[in-house]
PDB file of N, CA and C in Angstrom:
ATOM      1  N   MET A   1       0.845  -1.168   0.000  1.00  0.00           N
ATOM      2  CA  MET A   1       0.000   0.000   0.000  1.00  0.00           C
ATOM      3  C   MET A   1       0.889   1.229   0.000  1.00  0.00           C
ATOM      4  N   CYS A   2       0.539   2.186  -0.817  1.00  0.00           N
ATOM      5  CA  CYS A   2       1.288   3.440  -0.900  1.00  0.00           C
ATOM      6  C   CYS A   2       0.762   4.387   0.171  1.00  0.00           C
ATOM      7  N   ALA A   3       1.581   4.662   1.160  1.00  0.00           N
ATOM      8  CA  ALA A   3       1.139   5.467   2.289  1.00  0.00           C
ATOM      9  C   ALA A   3       0.995   6.948   1.935  1.00  0.00           C
ATOM     10  N   ASP A   4       1.837   7.447   1.068  1.00  0.00           N
ATOM     11  CA  ASP A   4       1.804   8.872   0.736  1.00  0.00           C
ATOM     12  C   ASP A   4       1.952   9.039  -0.772  1.00  0.00           C
ATOM     13  N   TRP A   5       0.837   9.038  -1.482  1.00  0.00           N
ATOM     14  CA  TRP A   5       0.883   9.114  -2.936  1.00  0.00           C
ATOM     15  C   TRP A   5       0.343  10.434  -3.489  1.00  0.00           C
ATOM     16  N   GLN A   6       0.093  11.407  -2.624  1.00  0.00           N
ATOM     17  CA  GLN A   6      -0.458  12.678  -3.087  1.00  0.00           C
ATOM     18  C   GLN A   6       0.460  13.380  -4.089  1.00  0.00           C
ATOM     19  N   ASP A   7       1.763  13.216  -3.940  1.00  0.00           N
ATOM     20  CA  ASP A   7       2.712  13.863  -4.845  1.00  0.00           C
ATOM     21  C   ASP A   7       3.181  12.923  -5.959  1.00  0.00           C
ATOM     22  N   ALA A   8       2.532  11.765  -6.093  1.00  0.00           N
ATOM     23  CA  ALA A   8       2.937  10.781  -7.096  1.00  0.00           C
ATOM     24  C   ALA A   8       2.663  11.303  -8.504  1.00  0.00           C
ATOM     25  N   LYS A   9       3.501  10.877  -9.428  1.00  0.00           N
ATOM     26  CA  LYS A   9       3.337  11.222 -10.837  1.00  0.00           C
ATOM     27  C   LYS A   9       3.166   9.932 -11.624  1.00  0.00           C
ATOM     28  N   THR A  10       2.232   9.933 -12.567  1.00  0.00           N
ATOM     29  CA  THR A  10       2.004   8.759 -13.396  1.00  0.00           C
ATOM     30  C   THR A  10       3.041   8.723 -14.504  1.00  0.00           C
ATOM     31  N   ALA A  11       3.804   7.625 -14.545  1.00  0.00           N
ATOM     32  CA  ALA A  11       4.815   7.469 -15.591  1.00  0.00           C
ATOM     33  C   ALA A  11       4.270   6.643 -16.747  1.00  0.00           C
ATOM     34  N   SER A  12       3.328   5.762 -16.466  1.00  0.00           N
ATOM     35  CA  SER A  12       2.793   4.881 -17.493  1.00  0.00           C
ATOM     36  C   SER A  12       1.450   4.343 -17.045  1.00  0.00           C
ATOM     37  N   ARG A  13       0.680   3.839 -17.994  1.00  0.00           N
ATOM     38  CA  ARG A  13      -0.607   3.234 -17.678  1.00  0.00           C
ATOM     39  C   ARG A  13      -0.739   1.916 -18.424  1.00  0.00           C
ATOM     40  N   GLY A  14      -1.504   1.022 -17.847  1.00  0.00           N
ATOM     41  CA  GLY A  14      -1.827  -0.238 -18.500  1.00  0.00           C
ATOM     42  C   GLY A  14      -3.195  -0.687 -18.015  1.00  0.00           C
ATOM     43  N   TRP A  15      -3.892  -1.448 -18.830  1.00  0.00           N
ATOM     44  CA  TRP A  15      -5.238  -1.882 -18.475  1.00  0.00           C
ATOM     45  C   TRP A  15      -5.370  -3.375 -18.666  1.00  0.00           C
ATOM     46  N   ALA A  16      -6.167  -3.982 -17.832  1.00  0.00           N
ATOM     47  CA  ALA A  16      -6.528  -5.386 -17.975  1.00  0.00           C
ATOM     48  C   ALA A  16      -7.937  -5.564 -17.423  1.00  0.00           C
ATOM     49  N   ASP A  17      -8.766  -6.289 -18.141  1.00  0.00           N
ATOM     50  CA  ASP A  17     -10.128  -6.580 -17.692  1.00  0.00           C
ATOM     51  C   ASP A  17     -10.161  -8.036 -17.230  1.00  0.00           C
ATOM     52  N   PRO A  18     -10.376  -8.272 -15.951  1.00  0.00           N
ATOM     53  CA  PRO A  18     -10.397  -9.662 -15.467  1.00  0.00           C
ATOM     54  C   PRO A  18     -11.384 -10.556 -16.205  1.00  0.00           C
ATOM     55  N   GLN A  19     -12.442  -9.982 -16.768  1.00  0.00           N
ATOM     56  CA  GLN A  19     -13.395 -10.792 -17.536  1.00  0.00           C
ATOM     57  C   GLN A  19     -12.757 -11.359 -18.799  1.00  0.00           C
ATOM     58  N   ASN A  20     -11.632 -10.779 -19.218  1.00  0.00           N
ATOM     59  CA  ASN A  20     -10.914 -11.259 -20.399  1.00  0.00           C
ATOM     60  C   ASN A  20      -9.628 -11.985 -20.010  1.00  0.00           C
ATOM     61  N   HIS A  21      -9.634 -12.670 -18.880  1.00  0.00           N
ATOM     62  CA  HIS A  21      -8.429 -13.350 -18.397  1.00  0.00           C
ATOM     63  C   HIS A  21      -7.978 -14.468 -19.324  1.00  0.00           C
ATOM     64  N   ALA A  22      -8.900 -15.104 -20.047  1.00  0.00           N
ATOM     65  CA  ALA A  22      -8.535 -16.213 -20.929  1.00  0.00           C
ATOM     66  C   ALA A  22      -8.334 -15.768 -22.371  1.00  0.00           C
ATOM     67  N   SER A  23      -8.996 -14.690 -22.774  1.00  0.00           N
ATOM     68  CA  SER A  23      -8.927 -14.246 -24.166  1.00  0.00           C
ATOM     69  C   SER A  23      -9.226 -12.757 -24.242  1.00  0.00           C
ATOM     70  N   ILE A  24      -8.450 -12.053 -25.042  1.00  0.00           N
ATOM     71  CA  ILE A  24      -8.680 -10.614 -25.226  1.00  0.00           C
ATOM     72  C   ILE A  24      -9.954 -10.382 -26.052  1.00  0.00           C
ATOM     73  N   ARG A  25     -10.370 -11.395 -26.815  1.00  0.00           N
ATOM     74  CA  ARG A  25     -11.510 -11.238 -27.716  1.00  0.00           C
ATOM     75  C   ARG A  25     -12.851 -11.651 -27.102  1.00  0.00           C
ATOM     76  N   LYS A  26     -12.808 -12.508 -26.084  1.00  0.00           N
ATOM     77  CA  LYS A  26     -14.050 -13.024 -25.521  1.00  0.00           C
ATOM     78  C   LYS A  26     -14.011 -12.979 -24.001  1.00  0.00           C
ATOM     79  N   GLY A  27     -14.952 -12.273 -23.415  1.00  0.00           N
ATOM     80  CA  GLY A  27     -15.038 -12.180 -21.968  1.00  0.00           C
ATOM     81  C   GLY A  27     -15.815 -13.328 -21.370  1.00  0.00           C
ATOM     82  N   GLY A  28     -15.699 -13.459 -20.081  1.00  0.00           N
ATOM     83  CA  GLY A  28     -16.427 -14.496 -19.359  1.00  0.00           C
ATOM     84  C   GLY A  28     -16.641 -14.055 -17.933  1.00  0.00           C
ATOM     85  N   PRO A  29     -17.468 -14.779 -17.206  1.00  0.00           N
ATOM     86  CA  PRO A  29     -17.746 -14.390 -15.826  1.00  0.00           C
ATOM     87  C   PRO A  29     -16.512 -14.546 -14.937  1.00  0.00           C
ATOM     88  N   VAL A  30     -16.439 -13.713 -13.920  1.00  0.00           N
ATOM     89  CA  VAL A  30     -15.383 -13.799 -12.920  1.00  0.00           C
ATOM     90  C   VAL A  30     -16.020 -14.349 -11.647  1.00  0.00           C
ATOM     91  N   VAL A  31     -15.461 -15.435 -11.143  1.00  0.00           N
ATOM     92  CA  VAL A  31     -16.003 -16.091  -9.961  1.00  0.00           C
ATOM     93  C   VAL A  31     -15.364 -15.473  -8.720  1.00  0.00           C
ATOM     94  N   PRO A  32     -16.157 -14.869  -7.829  1.00  0.00           N
ATOM     95  CA  PRO A  32     -15.587 -14.290  -6.606  1.00  0.00           C
ATOM     96  C   PRO A  32     -14.811 -15.338  -5.809  1.00  0.00           C
ATOM     97  N   GLY A  33     -13.627 -14.953  -5.330  1.00  0.00           N
ATOM     98  CA  GLY A  33     -12.782 -15.839  -4.541  1.00  0.00           C
ATOM     99  C   GLY A  33     -11.835 -16.700  -5.358  1.00  0.00           C
ATOM    100  N   LYS A  34     -12.037 -16.776  -6.665  1.00  0.00           N
ATOM    101  CA  LYS A  34     -11.144 -17.552  -7.530  1.00  0.00           C
ATOM    102  C   LYS A  34     -10.049 -16.631  -8.064  1.00  0.00           C
ATOM    103  N   PHE A  35      -8.800 -17.106  -8.048  1.00  0.00           N
ATOM    104  CA  PHE A  35      -7.689 -16.313  -8.574  1.00  0.00           C
ATOM    105  C   PHE A  35      -7.542 -16.534 -10.070  1.00  0.00           C
ATOM    106  N   TYR A  36      -7.246 -15.463 -10.794  1.00  0.00           N
ATOM    107  CA  TYR A  36      -7.014 -15.514 -12.230  1.00  0.00           C
ATOM    108  C   TYR A  36      -5.652 -14.902 -12.513  1.00  0.00           C
ATOM    109  N   GLU A  37      -4.907 -15.515 -13.415  1.00  0.00           N
ATOM    110  CA  GLU A  37      -3.629 -14.935 -13.827  1.00  0.00           C
ATOM    111  C   GLU A  37      -3.903 -13.934 -14.937  1.00  0.00           C
ATOM    112  N   ILE A  38      -3.456 -12.717 -14.731  1.00  0.00           N
ATOM    113  CA  ILE A  38      -3.673 -11.653 -15.710  1.00  0.00           C
ATOM    114  C   ILE A  38      -2.326 -11.012 -16.013  1.00  0.00           C
ATOM    115  N   THR A  39      -2.026 -10.894 -17.289  1.00  0.00           N
ATOM    116  CA  THR A  39      -0.781 -10.276 -17.727  1.00  0.00           C
ATOM    117  C   THR A  39      -1.121  -9.092 -18.623  1.00  0.00           C
ATOM    118  N   PHE A  40      -0.434  -7.977 -18.403  1.00  0.00           N
ATOM    119  CA  PHE A  40      -0.648  -6.815 -19.273  1.00  0.00           C
ATOM    120  C   PHE A  40       0.626  -5.993 -19.324  1.00  0.00           C
ATOM    121  N   ASP A  41       0.769  -5.278 -20.413  1.00  0.00           N
ATOM    122  CA  ASP A  41       1.918  -4.398 -20.591  1.00  0.00           C
ATOM    123  C   ASP A  41       1.526  -2.965 -20.263  1.00  0.00           C
ATOM    124  N   LEU A  42       2.461  -2.234 -19.706  1.00  0.00           N
ATOM    125  CA  LEU A  42       2.272  -0.804 -19.504  1.00  0.00           C
ATOM    126  C   LEU A  42       2.717  -0.086 -20.770  1.00  0.00           C
ATOM    127  N   GLN A  43       2.207   1.097 -20.973  1.00  0.00           N
ATOM    128  CA  GLN A  43       2.628   1.884 -22.121  1.00  0.00           C
ATOM    129  C   GLN A  43       4.084   2.294 -21.918  1.00  0.00           C
ATOM    130  N   PRO A  44       4.954   2.029 -22.889  1.00  0.00           N
ATOM    131  CA  PRO A  44       6.375   2.348 -22.687  1.00  0.00           C
ATOM    132  C   PRO A  44       6.616   3.854 -22.585  1.00  0.00           C
ATOM    133  N   ASP A  45       7.538   4.209 -21.727  1.00  0.00           N
ATOM    134  CA  ASP A  45       7.901   5.608 -21.537  1.00  0.00           C
ATOM    135  C   ASP A  45       9.320   5.659 -20.985  1.00  0.00           C
ATOM    136  N   ASP A  46      10.117   6.557 -21.479  1.00  0.00           N
ATOM    137  CA  ASP A  46      11.504   6.703 -21.038  1.00  0.00           C
ATOM    138  C   ASP A  46      11.535   7.703 -19.893  1.00  0.00           C
ATOM    139  N   GLN A  47      11.980   7.261 -18.723  1.00  0.00           N
ATOM    140  CA  GLN A  47      11.996   8.102 -17.529  1.00  0.00           C
ATOM    141  C   GLN A  47      13.374   8.081 -16.883  1.00  0.00           C
ATOM    142  N   ILE A  48      13.771   9.183 -16.318  1.00  0.00           N
ATOM    143  CA  ILE A  48      14.947   9.229 -15.449  1.00  0.00           C
ATOM    144  C   ILE A  48      14.403   9.458 -14.047  1.00  0.00           C
ATOM    145  N   ILE A  49      14.601   8.469 -13.191  1.00  0.00           N
ATOM    146  CA  ILE A  49      14.085   8.531 -11.816  1.00  0.00           C
ATOM    147  C   ILE A  49      15.202   9.066 -10.929  1.00  0.00           C
ATOM    148  N   PRO A  50      15.014  10.218 -10.317  1.00  0.00           N
ATOM    149  CA  PRO A  50      16.056  10.789  -9.457  1.00  0.00           C
ATOM    150  C   PRO A  50      16.407   9.878  -8.281  1.00  0.00           C
ATOM    151  N   ALA A  51      17.653   9.947  -7.869  1.00  0.00           N
ATOM    152  CA  ALA A  51      18.118   9.159  -6.722  1.00  0.00           C
ATOM    153  C   ALA A  51      17.226   9.425  -5.514  1.00  0.00           C
ATOM    154  N   GLY A  52      16.862   8.372  -4.808  1.00  0.00           N
ATOM    155  CA  GLY A  52      16.040   8.492  -3.607  1.00  0.00           C
ATOM    156  C   GLY A  52      14.548   8.463  -3.872  1.00  0.00           C
ATOM    157  N   GLN A  53      14.138   8.619  -5.124  1.00  0.00           N
ATOM    158  CA  GLN A  53      12.712   8.594  -5.440  1.00  0.00           C
ATOM    159  C   GLN A  53      12.250   7.149  -5.587  1.00  0.00           C
ATOM    160  N   GLN A  54      11.033   6.848  -5.162  1.00  0.00           N
ATOM    161  CA  GLN A  54      10.506   5.498  -5.222  1.00  0.00           C
ATOM    162  C   GLN A  54       9.693   5.282  -6.491  1.00  0.00           C
ATOM    163  N   ILE A  55       9.654   4.023  -6.915  1.00  0.00           N
ATOM    164  CA  ILE A  55       8.808   3.605  -8.028  1.00  0.00           C
ATOM    165  C   ILE A  55       7.740   2.695  -7.436  1.00  0.00           C
ATOM    166  N   GLY A  56       6.501   2.913  -7.800  1.00  0.00           N
ATOM    167  CA  GLY A  56       5.419   2.087  -7.276  1.00  0.00           C
ATOM    168  C   GLY A  56       4.485   1.636  -8.380  1.00  0.00           C
ATOM    169  N   LEU A  57       3.701   0.641  -8.066  1.00  0.00           N
ATOM    170  CA  LEU A  57       2.672   0.138  -8.970  1.00  0.00           C
ATOM    171  C   LEU A  57       1.343   0.258  -8.247  1.00  0.00           C
ATOM    172  N   MET A  58       0.410   0.973  -8.840  1.00  0.00           N
ATOM    173  CA  MET A  58      -0.906   1.160  -8.229  1.00  0.00           C
ATOM    174  C   MET A  58      -1.927   0.363  -9.028  1.00  0.00           C
ATOM    175  N   ILE A  59      -2.750  -0.405  -8.333  1.00  0.00           N
ATOM    176  CA  ILE A  59      -3.768  -1.235  -8.967  1.00  0.00           C
ATOM    177  C   ILE A  59      -5.135  -0.769  -8.474  1.00  0.00           C
ATOM    178  N   PHE A  60      -6.011  -0.472  -9.428  1.00  0.00           N
ATOM    179  CA  PHE A  60      -7.356   0.008  -9.101  1.00  0.00           C
ATOM    180  C   PHE A  60      -8.394  -0.936  -9.687  1.00  0.00           C
ATOM    181  N   SER A  61      -9.591  -0.935  -9.105  1.00  0.00           N
ATOM    182  CA  SER A  61     -10.676  -1.756  -9.643  1.00  0.00           C
ATOM    183  C   SER A  61     -11.295  -1.117 -10.878  1.00  0.00           C
ATOM    184  N   SER A  62     -11.010   0.145 -11.121  1.00  0.00           N
ATOM    185  CA  SER A  62     -11.519   0.841 -12.295  1.00  0.00           C
ATOM    186  C   SER A  62     -10.680   2.086 -12.520  1.00  0.00           C
ATOM    187  N   ASP A  63     -10.685   2.575 -13.725  1.00  0.00           N
ATOM    188  CA  ASP A  63      -9.998   3.824 -14.047  1.00  0.00           C
ATOM    189  C   ASP A  63     -11.069   4.888 -14.238  1.00  0.00           C
ATOM    190  N   ALA A  64     -11.277   5.700 -13.225  1.00  0.00           N
ATOM    191  CA  ALA A  64     -12.371   6.674 -13.221  1.00  0.00           C
ATOM    192  C   ALA A  64     -12.313   7.644 -14.395  1.00  0.00           C
ATOM    193  N   GLU A  65     -11.125   7.858 -14.953  1.00  0.00           N
ATOM    194  CA  GLU A  65     -11.003   8.793 -16.070  1.00  0.00           C
ATOM    195  C   GLU A  65     -11.448   8.185 -17.399  1.00  0.00           C
ATOM    196  N   TYR A  66     -11.419   6.843 -17.518  1.00  0.00           N
ATOM    197  CA  TYR A  66     -11.635   6.220 -18.820  1.00  0.00           C
ATOM    198  C   TYR A  66     -12.708   5.137 -18.862  1.00  0.00           C
ATOM    199  N   THR A  67     -13.199   4.666 -17.718  1.00  0.00           N
ATOM    200  CA  THR A  67     -14.155   3.561 -17.734  1.00  0.00           C
ATOM    201  C   THR A  67     -15.337   3.849 -16.825  1.00  0.00           C
ATOM    202  N   LEU A  68     -16.326   2.962 -16.888  1.00  0.00           N
ATOM    203  CA  LEU A  68     -17.470   3.046 -15.985  1.00  0.00           C
ATOM    204  C   LEU A  68     -17.034   2.598 -14.605  1.00  0.00           C
ATOM    205  N   LEU A  69     -17.572   3.217 -13.591  1.00  0.00           N
ATOM    206  CA  LEU A  69     -17.214   2.856 -12.224  1.00  0.00           C
ATOM    207  C   LEU A  69     -17.983   1.619 -11.784  1.00  0.00           C
ATOM    208  N   PRO A  70     -17.302   0.684 -11.114  1.00  0.00           N
ATOM    209  CA  PRO A  70     -18.015  -0.494 -10.608  1.00  0.00           C
ATOM    210  C   PRO A  70     -18.879  -0.119  -9.412  1.00  0.00           C
ATOM    211  N   LYS A  71     -19.744  -1.041  -9.012  1.00  0.00           N
ATOM    212  CA  LYS A  71     -20.580  -0.819  -7.838  1.00  0.00           C
ATOM    213  C   LYS A  71     -19.677  -0.676  -6.606  1.00  0.00           C
ATOM    214  N   PRO A  72     -20.087   0.150  -5.632  1.00  0.00           N
ATOM    215  CA  PRO A  72     -19.303   0.257  -4.396  1.00  0.00           C
ATOM    216  C   PRO A  72     -19.107  -1.119  -3.759  1.00  0.00           C
ATOM    217  N   GLY A  73     -17.946  -1.324  -3.177  1.00  0.00           N
ATOM    218  CA  GLY A  73     -17.654  -2.595  -2.526  1.00  0.00           C
ATOM    219  C   GLY A  73     -16.837  -3.544  -3.368  1.00  0.00           C
ATOM    220  N   THR A  74     -16.514  -3.141  -4.608  1.00  0.00           N
ATOM    221  CA  THR A  74     -15.677  -3.987  -5.448  1.00  0.00           C
ATOM    222  C   THR A  74     -14.360  -4.236  -4.734  1.00  0.00           C
ATOM    223  N   LYS A  75     -13.939  -5.479  -4.690  1.00  0.00           N
ATOM    224  CA  LYS A  75     -12.748  -5.852  -3.940  1.00  0.00           C
ATOM    225  C   LYS A  75     -11.785  -6.626  -4.840  1.00  0.00           C
ATOM    226  N   LEU A  76     -10.532  -6.235  -4.811  1.00  0.00           N
ATOM    227  CA  LEU A  76      -9.482  -6.942  -5.543  1.00  0.00           C
ATOM    228  C   LEU A  76      -8.513  -7.548  -4.545  1.00  0.00           C
ATOM    229  N   THR A  77      -8.040  -8.740  -4.843  1.00  0.00           N
ATOM    230  CA  THR A  77      -7.005  -9.371  -4.038  1.00  0.00           C
ATOM    231  C   THR A  77      -5.836  -9.651  -4.972  1.00  0.00           C
ATOM    232  N   VAL A  78      -4.651  -9.196  -4.597  1.00  0.00           N
ATOM    233  CA  VAL A  78      -3.456  -9.388  -5.412  1.00  0.00           C
ATOM    234  C   VAL A  78      -2.517 -10.330  -4.672  1.00  0.00           C
ATOM    235  N   ASP A  79      -2.096 -11.392  -5.346  1.00  0.00           N
ATOM    236  CA  ASP A  79      -1.144 -12.341  -4.779  1.00  0.00           C
ATOM    237  C   ASP A  79       0.258 -11.768  -4.976  1.00  0.00           C
ATOM    238  N   LEU A  80       0.762 -11.057  -3.968  1.00  0.00           N
ATOM    239  CA  LEU A  80       2.053 -10.390  -4.095  1.00  0.00           C
ATOM    240  C   LEU A  80       3.207 -11.371  -4.299  1.00  0.00           C
ATOM    241  N   ASP A  81       3.108 -12.574  -3.722  1.00  0.00           N
ATOM    242  CA  ASP A  81       4.164 -13.572  -3.917  1.00  0.00           C
ATOM    243  C   ASP A  81       4.217 -14.052  -5.366  1.00  0.00           C
ATOM    244  N   GLY A  82       3.100 -13.968  -6.069  1.00  0.00           N
ATOM    245  CA  GLY A  82       3.051 -14.410  -7.457  1.00  0.00           C
ATOM    246  C   GLY A  82       3.055 -13.267  -8.455  1.00  0.00           C
ATOM    247  N   THR A  83       3.358 -12.059  -7.986  1.00  0.00           N
ATOM    248  CA  THR A  83       3.327 -10.874  -8.837  1.00  0.00           C
ATOM    249  C   THR A  83       4.729 -10.492  -9.289  1.00  0.00           C
ATOM    250  N   VAL A  84       4.853 -10.134 -10.560  1.00  0.00           N
ATOM    251  CA  VAL A  84       6.140  -9.729 -11.121  1.00  0.00           C
ATOM    252  C   VAL A  84       5.964  -8.400 -11.848  1.00  0.00           C
ATOM    253  N   LEU A  85       6.859  -7.474 -11.597  1.00  0.00           N
ATOM    254  CA  LEU A  85       6.921  -6.216 -12.332  1.00  0.00           C
ATOM    255  C   LEU A  85       8.315  -6.139 -12.926  1.00  0.00           C
ATOM    256  N   THR A  86       8.398  -6.089 -14.245  1.00  0.00           N
ATOM    257  CA  THR A  86       9.682  -6.035 -14.928  1.00  0.00           C
ATOM    258  C   THR A  86       9.932  -4.618 -15.418  1.00  0.00           C
ATOM    259  N   LEU A  87      11.025  -4.020 -14.964  1.00  0.00           N
ATOM    260  CA  LEU A  87      11.406  -2.675 -15.385  1.00  0.00           C
ATOM    261  C   LEU A  87      12.686  -2.767 -16.210  1.00  0.00           C
ATOM    262  N   PRO A  88      12.604  -2.473 -17.491  1.00  0.00           N
ATOM    263  CA  PRO A  88      13.838  -2.476 -18.289  1.00  0.00           C
ATOM    264  C   PRO A  88      14.710  -1.282 -17.888  1.00  0.00           C
ATOM    265  N   ILE A  89      15.998  -1.523 -17.728  1.00  0.00           N
ATOM    266  CA  ILE A  89      16.937  -0.494 -17.310  1.00  0.00           C
ATOM    267  C   ILE A  89      17.965  -0.285 -18.412  1.00  0.00           C
ATOM    268  N   VAL A  90      18.140   0.948 -18.839  1.00  0.00           N
ATOM    269  CA  VAL A  90      19.163   1.254 -19.828  1.00  0.00           C
ATOM    270  C   VAL A  90      20.518   0.911 -19.222  1.00  0.00           C
ATOM    271  N   GLY A  91      21.266   0.093 -19.898  1.00  0.00           N
ATOM    272  CA  GLY A  91      22.564  -0.322 -19.390  1.00  0.00           C
ATOM    273  C   GLY A  91      22.508  -1.646 -18.656  1.00  0.00           C
ATOM    274  N   GLY A  92      21.299  -2.155 -18.376  1.00  0.00           N
ATOM    275  CA  GLY A  92      21.133  -3.471 -17.806  1.00  0.00           C
ATOM    276  C   GLY A  92      21.489  -3.599 -16.344  1.00  0.00           C
ATOM    277  N   LYS A  93      21.710  -4.841 -15.924  1.00  0.00           N
ATOM    278  CA  LYS A  93      21.936  -5.174 -14.520  1.00  0.00           C
ATOM    279  C   LYS A  93      23.178  -4.496 -13.943  1.00  0.00           C
ATOM    280  N   GLY A  94      24.201  -4.303 -14.749  1.00  0.00           N
ATOM    281  CA  GLY A  94      25.423  -3.675 -14.252  1.00  0.00           C
ATOM    282  C   GLY A  94      25.178  -2.285 -13.690  1.00  0.00           C
ATOM    283  N   LEU A  95      24.368  -1.505 -14.364  1.00  0.00           N
ATOM    284  CA  LEU A  95      24.077  -0.154 -13.887  1.00  0.00           C
ATOM    285  C   LEU A  95      23.120  -0.152 -12.708  1.00  0.00           C
ATOM    286  N   VAL A  96      22.228  -1.136 -12.626  1.00  0.00           N
ATOM    287  CA  VAL A  96      21.321  -1.219 -11.485  1.00  0.00           C
ATOM    288  C   VAL A  96      22.137  -1.422 -10.212  1.00  0.00           C
ATOM    289  N   GLY A  97      23.122  -2.306 -10.269  1.00  0.00           N
ATOM    290  CA  GLY A  97      23.975  -2.552  -9.100  1.00  0.00           C
ATOM    291  C   GLY A  97      24.643  -1.298  -8.599  1.00  0.00           C
ATOM    292  N   LYS A  98      25.115  -0.457  -9.504  1.00  0.00           N
ATOM    293  CA  LYS A  98      25.741   0.809  -9.111  1.00  0.00           C
ATOM    294  C   LYS A  98      24.713   1.778  -8.532  1.00  0.00           C
ATOM    295  N   ALA A  99      23.517   1.764  -9.086  1.00  0.00           N
ATOM    296  CA  ALA A  99      22.489   2.723  -8.680  1.00  0.00           C
ATOM    297  C   ALA A  99      21.947   2.447  -7.285  1.00  0.00           C
ATOM    298  N   VAL A 100      21.902   1.188  -6.874  1.00  0.00           N
ATOM    299  CA  VAL A 100      21.294   0.863  -5.583  1.00  0.00           C
ATOM    300  C   VAL A 100      22.304   0.729  -4.448  1.00  0.00           C
ATOM    301  N   LYS A 101      23.558   1.033  -4.706  1.00  0.00           N
ATOM    302  CA  LYS A 101      24.575   0.978  -3.638  1.00  0.00           C
ATOM    303  C   LYS A 101      24.479   2.189  -2.758  1.00  0.00           C
TER     304      LYS A 101
END
Protein backbone atom coordinates (compact mmCIF):
# COMPACT_ATOMS: atom_id res chain seq x y z
CA MET A 1 0.00 0.00 0.00
CA CYS A 2 1.29 3.44 -0.90
CA ALA A 3 1.14 5.47 2.29
CA ASP A 4 1.80 8.87 0.74
CA TRP A 5 0.88 9.11 -2.94
CA GLN A 6 -0.46 12.68 -3.09
CA ASP A 7 2.71 13.86 -4.85
CA ALA A 8 2.94 10.78 -7.10
CA LYS A 9 3.34 11.22 -10.84
CA THR A 10 2.00 8.76 -13.40
CA ALA A 11 4.81 7.47 -15.59
CA SER A 12 2.79 4.88 -17.49
CA ARG A 13 -0.61 3.23 -17.68
CA GLY A 14 -1.83 -0.24 -18.50
CA TRP A 15 -5.24 -1.88 -18.48
CA ALA A 16 -6.53 -5.39 -17.98
CA ASP A 17 -10.13 -6.58 -17.69
CA PRO A 18 -10.40 -9.66 -15.47
CA GLN A 19 -13.39 -10.79 -17.54
CA ASN A 20 -10.91 -11.26 -20.40
CA HIS A 21 -8.43 -13.35 -18.40
CA ALA A 22 -8.53 -16.21 -20.93
CA SER A 23 -8.93 -14.25 -24.17
CA ILE A 24 -8.68 -10.61 -25.23
CA ARG A 25 -11.51 -11.24 -27.72
CA LYS A 26 -14.05 -13.02 -25.52
CA GLY A 27 -15.04 -12.18 -21.97
CA GLY A 28 -16.43 -14.50 -19.36
CA PRO A 29 -17.75 -14.39 -15.83
CA VAL A 30 -15.38 -13.80 -12.92
CA VAL A 31 -16.00 -16.09 -9.96
CA PRO A 32 -15.59 -14.29 -6.61
CA GLY A 33 -12.78 -15.84 -4.54
CA LYS A 34 -11.14 -17.55 -7.53
CA PHE A 35 -7.69 -16.31 -8.57
CA TYR A 36 -7.01 -15.51 -12.23
CA GLU A 37 -3.63 -14.93 -13.83
CA ILE A 38 -3.67 -11.65 -15.71
CA THR A 39 -0.78 -10.28 -17.73
CA PHE A 40 -0.65 -6.81 -19.27
CA ASP A 41 1.92 -4.40 -20.59
CA LEU A 42 2.27 -0.80 -19.50
CA GLN A 43 2.63 1.88 -22.12
CA PRO A 44 6.37 2.35 -22.69
CA ASP A 45 7.90 5.61 -21.54
CA ASP A 46 11.50 6.70 -21.04
CA GLN A 47 12.00 8.10 -17.53
CA ILE A 48 14.95 9.23 -15.45
CA ILE A 49 14.09 8.53 -11.82
CA PRO A 50 16.06 10.79 -9.46
CA ALA A 51 18.12 9.16 -6.72
CA GLY A 52 16.04 8.49 -3.61
CA GLN A 53 12.71 8.59 -5.44
CA GLN A 54 10.51 5.50 -5.22
CA ILE A 55 8.81 3.61 -8.03
CA GLY A 56 5.42 2.09 -7.28
CA LEU A 57 2.67 0.14 -8.97
CA MET A 58 -0.91 1.16 -8.23
CA ILE A 59 -3.77 -1.23 -8.97
CA PHE A 60 -7.36 0.01 -9.10
CA SER A 61 -10.68 -1.76 -9.64
CA SER A 62 -11.52 0.84 -12.29
CA ASP A 63 -10.00 3.82 -14.05
CA ALA A 64 -12.37 6.67 -13.22
CA GLU A 65 -11.00 8.79 -16.07
CA TYR A 66 -11.63 6.22 -18.82
CA THR A 67 -14.15 3.56 -17.73
CA LEU A 68 -17.47 3.05 -15.99
CA LEU A 69 -17.21 2.86 -12.22
CA PRO A 70 -18.01 -0.49 -10.61
CA LYS A 71 -20.58 -0.82 -7.84
CA PRO A 72 -19.30 0.26 -4.40
CA GLY A 73 -17.65 -2.60 -2.53
CA THR A 74 -15.68 -3.99 -5.45
CA LYS A 75 -12.75 -5.85 -3.94
CA LEU A 76 -9.48 -6.94 -5.54
CA THR A 77 -7.00 -9.37 -4.04
CA VAL A 78 -3.46 -9.39 -5.41
CA ASP A 79 -1.14 -12.34 -4.78
CA LEU A 80 2.05 -10.39 -4.09
CA ASP A 81 4.16 -13.57 -3.92
CA GLY A 82 3.05 -14.41 -7.46
CA THR A 83 3.33 -10.87 -8.84
CA VAL A 84 6.14 -9.73 -11.12
CA LEU A 85 6.92 -6.22 -12.33
CA THR A 86 9.68 -6.03 -14.93
CA LEU A 87 11.41 -2.68 -15.39
CA PRO A 88 13.84 -2.48 -18.29
CA ILE A 89 16.94 -0.49 -17.31
CA VAL A 90 19.16 1.25 -19.83
CA GLY A 91 22.56 -0.32 -19.39
CA GLY A 92 21.13 -3.47 -17.81
CA LYS A 93 21.94 -5.17 -14.52
CA GLY A 94 25.42 -3.67 -14.25
CA LEU A 95 24.08 -0.15 -13.89
CA VAL A 96 21.32 -1.22 -11.48
CA GLY A 97 23.97 -2.55 -9.10
CA LYS A 98 25.74 0.81 -9.11
CA ALA A 99 22.49 2.72 -8.68
CA VAL A 100 21.29 0.86 -5.58
CA LYS A 101 24.58 0.98 -3.64
